[in-house]
Amino acid sequence: MARNIAGDGGGVLMNQGIHGIDLLCWLMGRPVSACGYSDTLLRDIEVEDTVAAAVRFAGGAVASIDATVCSQPAYAKN
């Protein structure tokens, strides 16, 4: 049974990824084009758990964006 995300507000892009995107746009300005993919690859949830994208900015810079809730920390949880 899929977890209800109504209380969370969205998937990985809306909950975690948006902060990095906001910082990137603050540093680089508005993007002029973007191409990306999102999918639910591991978790049993109603929204995406993985996102990957490439973004081009007006000055010619290209950035990659990735966000996931599927990776495990490299250290033991206390």
N, C-alpha and C. Protein backbone atom coordinates (compact mmCIF):
# COMPACT_ATOMS: atom_id res chain seq x y z
N MET A 1 0.83 -1.18 0.00
CA MET A 1 0.00 0.00 0.00
C MET A 1 0.88 1.25 0.00
N ALA A 2 0.61 2.17 -0.89
CA ALA A 2 1.40 3.39 -1.01
C ALA A 2 1.17 4.30 0.19
N ARG A 3 2.24 4.90 0.65
CA ARG A 3 2.15 5.85 1.76
C ARG A 3 1.46 7.12 1.28
N ASN A 4 0.58 7.65 2.09
CA ASN A 4 -0.11 8.88 1.76
C ASN A 4 0.80 10.06 2.06
N ILE A 5 1.08 10.89 1.07
CA ILE A 5 2.01 11.99 1.25
C ILE A 5 1.31 13.32 1.49
N ALA A 6 0.02 13.30 1.70
CA ALA A 6 -0.73 14.55 1.88
C ALA A 6 -0.12 15.41 2.99
N GLY A 7 0.34 14.81 4.06
CA GLY A 7 0.95 15.55 5.16
C GLY A 7 2.34 16.04 4.84
N ASP A 8 3.04 15.39 3.90
CA ASP A 8 4.40 15.78 3.53
C ASP A 8 4.42 16.94 2.55
N GLY A 9 3.42 17.04 1.69
CA GLY A 9 3.34 18.13 0.75
C GLY A 9 3.89 17.83 -0.63
N GLY A 10 4.57 16.72 -0.83
CA GLY A 10 5.08 16.41 -2.16
C GLY A 10 6.21 15.41 -2.12
N GLY A 11 6.81 15.22 -3.28
CA GLY A 11 7.91 14.27 -3.42
C GLY A 11 9.26 14.91 -3.12
N VAL A 12 10.32 14.22 -3.54
CA VAL A 12 11.68 14.65 -3.22
C VAL A 12 12.00 16.01 -3.83
N LEU A 13 11.49 16.31 -4.99
CA LEU A 13 11.79 17.60 -5.61
C LEU A 13 11.17 18.75 -4.83
N MET A 14 9.94 18.58 -4.43
CA MET A 14 9.25 19.64 -3.70
C MET A 14 9.73 19.76 -2.25
N ASN A 15 10.08 18.65 -1.63
CA ASN A 15 10.47 18.68 -0.22
C ASN A 15 11.95 18.98 0.01
N GLN A 16 12.85 18.33 -0.72
CA GLN A 16 14.28 18.51 -0.51
C GLN A 16 14.97 19.24 -1.67
N GLY A 17 14.67 18.85 -2.89
CA GLY A 17 15.37 19.37 -4.06
C GLY A 17 15.18 20.84 -4.31
N ILE A 18 14.05 21.38 -3.91
CA ILE A 18 13.74 22.78 -4.20
C ILE A 18 14.73 23.74 -3.55
N HIS A 19 15.32 23.36 -2.43
CA HIS A 19 16.26 24.24 -1.74
C HIS A 19 17.54 24.43 -2.56
N GLY A 20 18.05 23.35 -3.14
CA GLY A 20 19.22 23.45 -4.02
C GLY A 20 18.91 24.22 -5.29
N ILE A 21 17.72 24.02 -5.84
CA ILE A 21 17.31 24.74 -7.05
C ILE A 21 17.19 26.23 -6.75
N ASP A 22 16.62 26.58 -5.62
CA ASP A 22 16.50 27.98 -5.22
C ASP A 22 17.87 28.63 -5.12
N LEU A 23 18.82 27.97 -4.48
CA LEU A 23 20.17 28.50 -4.34
C LEU A 23 20.85 28.63 -5.70
N LEU A 24 20.69 27.64 -6.54
CA LEU A 24 21.27 27.67 -7.88
C LEU A 24 20.74 28.86 -8.68
N CYS A 25 19.44 29.10 -8.63
CA CYS A 25 18.84 30.23 -9.35
C CYS A 25 19.28 31.56 -8.76
N TRP A 26 19.47 31.62 -7.45
CA TRP A 26 19.95 32.84 -6.81
C TRP A 26 21.37 33.16 -7.28
N LEU A 27 22.20 32.13 -7.43
CA LEU A 27 23.59 32.32 -7.86
C LEU A 27 23.71 32.58 -9.36
N MET A 28 22.93 31.86 -10.18
CA MET A 28 23.11 31.85 -11.63
C MET A 28 22.07 32.67 -12.40
N GLY A 29 20.99 33.04 -11.77
CA GLY A 29 19.91 33.74 -12.46
C GLY A 29 18.86 32.75 -12.96
N ARG A 30 17.95 33.27 -13.76
CA ARG A 30 16.85 32.43 -14.25
C ARG A 30 17.34 31.44 -15.30
N PRO A 31 16.88 30.20 -15.24
CA PRO A 31 17.23 29.25 -16.29
C PRO A 31 16.50 29.58 -17.59
N VAL A 32 17.13 29.23 -18.72
CA VAL A 32 16.48 29.43 -20.01
C VAL A 32 15.95 28.12 -20.58
N SER A 33 16.48 26.99 -20.12
CA SER A 33 15.94 25.70 -20.55
C SER A 33 16.30 24.63 -19.52
N ALA A 34 15.50 23.59 -19.52
CA ALA A 34 15.74 22.48 -18.59
C ALA A 34 15.19 21.20 -19.20
N CYS A 35 15.84 20.11 -18.87
CA CYS A 35 15.39 18.77 -19.28
C CYS A 35 15.63 17.84 -18.11
N GLY A 36 14.63 17.06 -17.75
CA GLY A 36 14.81 16.21 -16.59
C GLY A 36 13.91 14.99 -16.58
N TYR A 37 14.16 14.16 -15.61
CA TYR A 37 13.41 12.93 -15.40
C TYR A 37 13.09 12.79 -13.93
N SER A 38 11.94 12.24 -13.64
CA SER A 38 11.59 11.91 -12.27
C SER A 38 10.88 10.56 -12.28
N ASP A 39 11.03 9.82 -11.19
CA ASP A 39 10.41 8.51 -11.11
C ASP A 39 10.34 8.06 -9.66
N THR A 40 9.51 7.09 -9.41
CA THR A 40 9.45 6.42 -8.11
C THR A 40 10.16 5.09 -8.29
N LEU A 41 11.41 5.02 -7.85
CA LEU A 41 12.25 3.86 -8.13
C LEU A 41 12.35 2.86 -6.99
N LEU A 42 12.20 3.32 -5.75
CA LEU A 42 12.44 2.42 -4.63
C LEU A 42 11.34 2.42 -3.59
N ARG A 43 10.86 3.57 -3.23
CA ARG A 43 9.90 3.68 -2.13
C ARG A 43 8.47 3.43 -2.61
N ASP A 44 7.65 2.98 -1.70
CA ASP A 44 6.24 2.76 -1.99
C ASP A 44 5.46 4.02 -1.62
N ILE A 45 5.59 5.05 -2.46
CA ILE A 45 4.96 6.34 -2.22
C ILE A 45 4.25 6.81 -3.49
N GLU A 46 3.39 7.80 -3.34
CA GLU A 46 2.56 8.29 -4.46
C GLU A 46 3.29 9.28 -5.35
N VAL A 47 4.47 9.71 -4.98
CA VAL A 47 5.20 10.75 -5.71
C VAL A 47 6.61 10.27 -6.03
N GLU A 48 7.38 11.12 -6.72
CA GLU A 48 8.74 10.72 -7.11
C GLU A 48 9.66 10.62 -5.91
N ASP A 49 10.58 9.65 -5.98
CA ASP A 49 11.62 9.55 -4.96
C ASP A 49 13.00 9.84 -5.54
N THR A 50 13.08 10.06 -6.86
CA THR A 50 14.34 10.33 -7.54
C THR A 50 14.10 11.33 -8.68
N VAL A 51 14.99 12.32 -8.79
CA VAL A 51 14.90 13.33 -9.85
C VAL A 51 16.31 13.61 -10.38
N ALA A 52 16.44 13.75 -11.69
CA ALA A 52 17.69 14.17 -12.32
C ALA A 52 17.34 15.16 -13.43
N ALA A 53 18.13 16.24 -13.54
CA ALA A 53 17.85 17.26 -14.55
C ALA A 53 19.12 17.98 -14.96
N ALA A 54 19.08 18.56 -16.15
CA ALA A 54 20.13 19.46 -16.63
C ALA A 54 19.46 20.80 -16.92
N VAL A 55 20.13 21.88 -16.52
CA VAL A 55 19.56 23.22 -16.66
C VAL A 55 20.59 24.12 -17.33
N ARG A 56 20.14 24.93 -18.30
CA ARG A 56 21.01 25.91 -18.96
C ARG A 56 20.56 27.30 -18.54
N PHE A 57 21.56 28.16 -18.25
CA PHE A 57 21.29 29.52 -17.83
C PHE A 57 21.64 30.51 -18.95
N ALA A 58 21.13 31.72 -18.83
CA ALA A 58 21.28 32.73 -19.88
C ALA A 58 22.75 33.00 -20.21
N GLY A 59 23.63 32.94 -19.23
CA GLY A 59 25.06 33.19 -19.45
C GLY A 59 25.78 32.03 -20.12
N GLY A 60 25.08 30.92 -20.38
CA GLY A 60 25.68 29.76 -21.03
C GLY A 60 26.07 28.64 -20.08
N ALA A 61 26.03 28.89 -18.79
CA ALA A 61 26.38 27.85 -17.82
C ALA A 61 25.34 26.73 -17.84
N VAL A 62 25.81 25.52 -17.58
CA VAL A 62 24.94 24.34 -17.49
C VAL A 62 25.13 23.72 -16.11
N ALA A 63 24.05 23.37 -15.47
CA ALA A 63 24.10 22.75 -14.15
C ALA A 63 23.33 21.45 -14.16
N SER A 64 23.75 20.52 -13.32
CA SER A 64 22.98 19.29 -13.14
C SER A 64 22.34 19.32 -11.76
N ILE A 65 21.14 18.79 -11.69
CA ILE A 65 20.38 18.74 -10.45
C ILE A 65 20.01 17.29 -10.20
N ASP A 66 20.26 16.81 -9.02
CA ASP A 66 19.79 15.48 -8.66
C ASP A 66 19.28 15.51 -7.23
N ALA A 67 18.24 14.76 -7.00
CA ALA A 67 17.65 14.65 -5.67
C ALA A 67 17.07 13.26 -5.51
N THR A 68 17.28 12.67 -4.35
CA THR A 68 16.74 11.35 -4.09
C THR A 68 16.56 11.13 -2.59
N VAL A 69 15.65 10.29 -2.24
CA VAL A 69 15.49 9.83 -0.86
C VAL A 69 15.80 8.34 -0.78
N CYS A 70 16.47 7.83 -1.81
CA CYS A 70 16.76 6.40 -1.88
C CYS A 70 18.15 6.03 -1.40
N SER A 71 19.04 6.99 -1.22
CA SER A 71 20.41 6.66 -0.80
C SER A 71 20.48 6.51 0.71
N GLN A 72 21.41 5.71 1.14
CA GLN A 72 21.63 5.45 2.55
C GLN A 72 22.84 6.23 3.03
N PRO A 73 22.84 6.71 4.27
CA PRO A 73 24.02 7.41 4.78
C PRO A 73 25.21 6.46 4.90
N ALA A 74 26.41 7.03 4.78
CA ALA A 74 27.63 6.22 4.86
C ALA A 74 28.07 5.99 6.30
N TYR A 75 27.25 6.37 7.26
CA TYR A 75 27.59 6.21 8.67
C TYR A 75 26.41 5.59 9.41
N ALA A 76 26.69 5.04 10.56
CA ALA A 76 25.65 4.41 11.35
C ALA A 76 24.78 5.47 12.03
N LYS A 77 23.49 5.25 12.05
CA LYS A 77 22.60 6.16 12.76
C LYS A 77 22.71 5.91 14.26
N ASN A 78 22.66 6.96 15.03
CA ASN A 78 22.73 6.83 16.50
C ASN A 78 21.36 6.66 17.08
